[in-house]
């Protein structure tokens, strides 16, 4: 079993390489397997079969052909796709309240190709088992393909891992190849809604320690004087049993 060190945040660049966005380092997530994990940190699981023979495991990771014109473009150049069910698990997060940000961009059903301009992607999103989005359509929300869209939700982490589940219930385009209608996610960020203790001393604690260090010698001298030891030469010859 992997060691689990408590953490308070999680950043994943779904389908892409390690990158930095808004000052946060996003983990790479470019495996083309049904299951992948970073022990003690996070994992994903993909299930379901493609409905077209032209699609295969290489389609689990998608790349944009024209890019998304925003400052954090690196988060939207790629995305993770799954035919039916895609679940991400966040391990070792400290107990508490968090904000989950889901970054989306429709980079498959775009207007670059004839079939894709007609494609419609509709799926549901669950966090900790609770449905947060029903019949979610990225292109409709962003009002265009290759446009970023962010959804934010509160989440509580207790004794179980954080679970983010994307599920395709069979809605959307069915007759347009290559039938890549499943859930699509560009990036995930999880940040705490509580004060994070970084182990550093506060200003008040530093002030208290400084004052204590300054007065400690004076208190010691006062104690010695009260005991009658100060200036008493006979103290040298005393023994303490």
Protein backbone atom coordinates (compact mmCIF):
# COMPACT_ATOMS: atom_id res chain seq x y z
CA UNK A 1 0.00 0.00 0.00
CA UNK A 2 1.32 3.44 -0.95
CA UNK A 3 2.14 5.93 1.77
CA UNK A 4 -0.43 8.68 2.07
CA UNK A 5 0.79 12.16 3.00
CA UNK A 6 -2.01 14.61 3.75
CA UNK A 7 -2.44 17.25 1.07
CA UNK A 8 -4.76 20.21 0.66
CA UNK A 9 -4.96 20.72 -3.12
CA UNK A 10 -5.01 18.84 -6.41
CA UNK A 11 -4.31 19.99 -9.97
CA UNK A 12 -4.58 17.75 -13.06
CA UNK A 13 -4.04 18.71 -16.70
CA UNK A 14 -6.36 16.10 -18.18
CA UNK A 15 -4.93 14.54 -21.31
CA UNK A 16 -1.87 16.77 -21.25
CA UNK A 17 1.65 17.27 -19.98
CA UNK A 18 2.75 18.85 -16.73
CA UNK A 19 2.16 22.59 -16.87
CA UNK A 20 1.83 25.71 -14.72
CA UNK A 21 -1.35 27.78 -14.79
CA UNK A 22 -2.33 30.63 -12.49
CA UNK A 23 0.71 29.87 -10.37
CA UNK A 24 -0.26 26.24 -9.75
CA UNK A 25 1.56 23.19 -11.10
CA UNK A 26 -0.78 20.76 -12.85
CA UNK A 27 0.15 17.08 -12.98
CA UNK A 28 0.48 15.41 -16.36
CA UNK A 29 -2.31 13.06 -17.33
CA UNK A 30 -1.52 11.72 -20.80
CA UNK A 31 -1.77 7.94 -20.32
CA UNK A 32 -3.87 6.06 -22.87
CA UNK A 33 -5.06 3.34 -20.54
CA UNK A 34 -8.42 2.58 -18.99
CA UNK A 35 -6.91 3.04 -15.54
CA UNK A 36 -3.99 5.10 -14.28
CA UNK A 37 -2.87 6.24 -10.85
CA UNK A 38 -0.22 8.21 -9.05
CA UNK A 39 -0.06 6.27 -5.75
CA UNK A 40 -1.04 8.36 -2.78
CA UNK A 41 -2.23 11.26 -4.95
CA UNK A 42 -4.88 10.60 -7.61
CA UNK A 43 -6.19 8.15 -10.18
CA UNK A 44 -8.68 7.89 -13.01
CA UNK A 45 -10.83 5.05 -14.31
CA UNK A 46 -12.44 4.88 -17.76
CA UNK A 47 -15.14 2.38 -18.77
CA UNK A 48 -17.35 1.74 -21.77
CA UNK A 49 -16.83 0.67 -25.36
CA UNK A 50 -16.54 2.80 -28.47
CA UNK A 51 -19.51 2.60 -30.82
CA UNK A 52 -17.33 2.91 -33.89
CA UNK A 53 -14.54 0.72 -35.25
CA UNK A 54 -12.53 3.81 -36.22
CA UNK A 55 -12.14 4.81 -32.56
CA UNK A 56 -9.65 3.16 -30.19
CA UNK A 57 -7.63 3.76 -27.02
CA UNK A 58 -5.65 6.54 -28.71
CA UNK A 59 -8.86 8.59 -28.51
CA UNK A 60 -8.68 8.61 -24.69
CA UNK A 61 -6.44 11.67 -25.09
CA UNK A 62 -7.53 14.39 -27.49
CA UNK A 63 -5.56 17.37 -28.81
CA UNK A 64 -6.98 20.59 -30.17
CA UNK A 65 -6.18 21.47 -33.77
CA UNK A 66 -6.59 25.23 -33.53
CA UNK A 67 -6.12 26.15 -29.87
CA UNK A 68 -8.12 28.10 -27.32
CA UNK A 69 -7.44 31.82 -27.23
CA UNK A 70 -7.15 32.49 -23.48
CA UNK A 71 -4.25 33.20 -21.14
CA UNK A 72 -4.28 29.67 -19.68
CA UNK A 73 -4.31 27.97 -23.06
CA UNK A 74 -2.07 25.12 -21.85
CA UNK A 75 -5.00 23.70 -19.87
CA UNK A 76 -7.22 23.49 -22.96
CA UNK A 77 -4.84 22.19 -25.61
CA UNK A 78 -5.70 18.65 -24.55
CA UNK A 79 -8.54 16.79 -22.88
CA UNK A 80 -9.33 13.33 -21.57
CA UNK A 81 -12.18 11.53 -23.31
CA UNK A 82 -14.01 8.36 -22.31
CA UNK A 83 -16.78 6.49 -24.17
CA UNK A 84 -19.20 6.18 -21.24
CA UNK A 85 -17.91 6.66 -17.69
CA UNK A 86 -14.86 8.58 -16.49
CA UNK A 87 -14.05 8.89 -12.78
CA UNK A 88 -11.22 10.77 -11.08
CA UNK A 89 -10.25 10.01 -7.48
CA UNK A 90 -8.34 12.41 -5.24
CA UNK A 91 -6.47 10.57 -2.49
CA UNK A 92 -4.95 11.82 0.77
CA UNK A 93 -6.74 15.17 0.83
CA UNK A 94 -7.14 16.54 4.34
CA UNK A 95 -10.63 16.49 5.77
CA UNK A 96 -12.46 19.72 5.04
CA UNK A 97 -14.36 21.84 2.54
CA UNK A 98 -12.99 22.36 -0.96
CA UNK A 99 -13.80 24.10 -4.22
CA UNK A 100 -13.70 21.87 -7.30
CA UNK A 101 -13.09 23.63 -10.61
CA UNK A 102 -13.81 21.68 -13.78
CA UNK A 103 -12.26 23.11 -16.94
CA UNK A 104 -13.95 22.29 -20.24
CA UNK A 105 -13.49 23.10 -23.93
CA UNK A 106 -15.13 21.32 -26.85
CA UNK A 107 -12.11 20.36 -28.96
CA UNK A 108 -13.61 17.33 -30.74
CA UNK A 109 -16.91 18.59 -32.13
CA UNK A 110 -15.54 21.74 -33.73
CA UNK A 111 -16.10 23.35 -37.11
CA UNK A 112 -12.76 22.19 -38.47
CA UNK A 113 -14.34 19.11 -40.05
CA UNK A 114 -17.73 18.54 -41.64
CA UNK A 115 -18.98 15.88 -39.23
CA UNK A 116 -17.83 17.67 -36.11
CA UNK A 117 -19.80 20.84 -36.77
CA UNK A 118 -22.98 18.76 -36.31
CA UNK A 119 -21.81 16.84 -33.23
CA UNK A 120 -23.50 17.28 -29.87
CA UNK A 121 -21.94 16.11 -26.60
CA UNK A 122 -24.22 15.74 -23.58
CA UNK A 123 -23.22 14.15 -20.26
CA UNK A 124 -23.74 14.36 -16.49
CA UNK A 125 -21.28 15.27 -13.74
CA UNK A 126 -21.29 13.88 -10.19
CA UNK A 127 -19.13 14.96 -7.24
CA UNK A 128 -19.05 12.76 -4.15
CA UNK A 129 -22.00 10.84 -5.58
CA UNK A 130 -24.20 13.91 -5.99
CA UNK A 131 -25.21 15.02 -9.47
CA UNK A 132 -24.02 18.56 -10.11
CA UNK A 133 -24.63 18.86 -13.86
CA UNK A 134 -27.37 17.17 -15.87
CA UNK A 135 -27.35 17.06 -19.68
CA UNK A 136 -24.26 19.24 -19.74
CA UNK A 137 -23.29 20.52 -23.19
CA UNK A 138 -19.85 22.17 -23.33
CA UNK A 139 -20.35 23.86 -26.68
CA UNK A 140 -23.73 25.24 -25.65
CA UNK A 141 -22.40 26.67 -22.37
CA UNK A 142 -19.28 28.18 -23.95
CA UNK A 143 -21.37 29.30 -26.96
CA UNK A 144 -18.72 27.99 -29.32
CA UNK A 145 -16.25 25.13 -29.82
CA UNK A 146 -12.63 25.75 -28.76
CA UNK A 147 -13.83 28.11 -26.03
CA UNK A 148 -13.05 27.58 -22.35
CA UNK A 149 -15.80 27.03 -19.80
CA UNK A 150 -15.34 26.54 -16.05
CA UNK A 151 -17.80 25.06 -13.57
CA UNK A 152 -17.20 25.46 -9.81
CA UNK A 153 -18.68 23.36 -7.04
CA UNK A 154 -18.21 22.94 -3.27
CA UNK A 155 -17.15 19.52 -2.04
CA UNK A 156 -16.59 17.95 1.36
CA UNK A 157 -13.80 15.44 1.94
CA UNK A 158 -14.12 13.23 5.00
CA UNK A 159 -12.98 9.62 5.41
CA UNK A 160 -13.25 8.79 1.71
CA UNK A 161 -11.38 9.96 -1.39
CA UNK A 162 -12.72 12.83 -3.45
CA UNK A 163 -14.68 11.35 -6.37
CA UNK A 164 -15.48 13.26 -9.58
CA UNK A 165 -17.57 11.24 -12.02
CA UNK A 166 -18.45 12.09 -15.63
CA UNK A 167 -21.15 9.92 -17.21
CA UNK A 168 -22.62 9.70 -20.70
CA UNK A 169 -26.23 8.47 -20.59
CA UNK A 170 -26.60 7.92 -24.33
CA UNK A 171 -27.72 11.43 -25.24
CA UNK A 172 -26.38 13.67 -27.99
CA UNK A 173 -25.25 12.79 -31.50
CA UNK A 174 -25.57 9.15 -32.53
CA UNK A 175 -25.37 9.15 -36.31
CA UNK A 176 -22.30 11.28 -36.94
CA UNK A 177 -18.89 9.51 -37.03
CA UNK A 178 -16.71 8.84 -35.18
CA UNK A 179 -19.26 8.69 -32.35
CA UNK A 180 -17.04 10.29 -29.74
CA UNK A 181 -19.98 11.36 -27.60
CA UNK A 182 -18.70 10.49 -24.12
CA UNK A 183 -17.55 12.88 -21.39
CA UNK A 184 -14.66 15.24 -22.10
CA UNK A 185 -12.63 17.14 -19.47
CA UNK A 186 -9.67 19.51 -19.94
CA UNK A 187 -8.43 20.10 -16.39
CA UNK A 188 -9.36 19.68 -12.73
CA UNK A 189 -8.36 21.84 -9.80
CA UNK A 190 -9.25 21.27 -6.16
CA UNK A 191 -8.45 23.99 -3.62
CA UNK A 192 -9.23 24.26 0.12
CA UNK A 193 -11.85 26.55 1.61
CA UNK A 194 -10.01 26.52 4.93
CA UNK A 195 -6.82 28.09 6.21
CA UNK A 196 -3.82 25.95 5.36
CA UNK A 197 -1.20 25.62 8.09
CA UNK A 198 2.20 25.76 6.43
CA UNK A 199 4.19 25.08 9.60
CA UNK A 200 5.53 28.62 9.80
CA UNK A 201 5.21 30.71 12.95
CA UNK A 202 2.81 33.63 12.91
CA UNK A 203 3.91 37.20 13.73
CA UNK A 204 2.23 36.96 17.15
CA UNK A 205 4.04 33.71 17.93
CA UNK A 206 7.40 35.17 16.89
CA UNK A 207 6.76 38.26 19.07
CA UNK A 208 5.84 36.10 22.04
CA UNK A 209 8.98 33.98 21.71
CA UNK A 210 11.17 37.10 21.39
CA UNK A 211 9.68 38.68 24.51
CA UNK A 212 10.00 35.41 26.40
CA UNK A 213 13.68 35.10 25.47
CA UNK A 214 14.32 38.68 26.59
CA UNK A 215 12.68 38.26 30.01
CA UNK A 216 13.96 34.76 30.78
CA UNK A 217 17.40 35.92 32.09
CA UNK A 218 15.72 38.57 34.28
CA UNK A 219 13.36 36.02 35.78
CA UNK A 220 16.29 33.69 36.47
CA UNK A 221 18.22 36.45 38.24
CA UNK A 222 15.14 37.34 40.31
CA UNK A 223 14.77 33.70 41.36
CA UNK A 224 18.45 33.44 42.36
CA UNK A 225 18.21 36.68 44.36
CA UNK A 226 15.05 35.52 46.14
CA UNK A 227 16.74 32.27 47.14
CA UNK A 228 19.56 34.25 48.65
CA UNK A 229 22.13 32.79 46.31
CA UNK A 230 23.13 35.97 44.58
CA UNK A 231 26.52 37.10 45.96
CA UNK A 232 26.71 34.20 48.44
CA UNK A 233 30.22 32.79 48.15
CA UNK A 234 29.26 29.80 50.30
CA UNK A 235 27.19 28.59 47.34
CA UNK A 236 30.41 27.30 45.78
CA UNK A 237 30.87 24.83 48.57
CA UNK A 238 27.29 23.58 48.67
CA UNK A 239 26.30 20.30 47.20
CA UNK A 240 22.85 19.39 46.00
CA UNK A 241 21.66 15.92 46.88
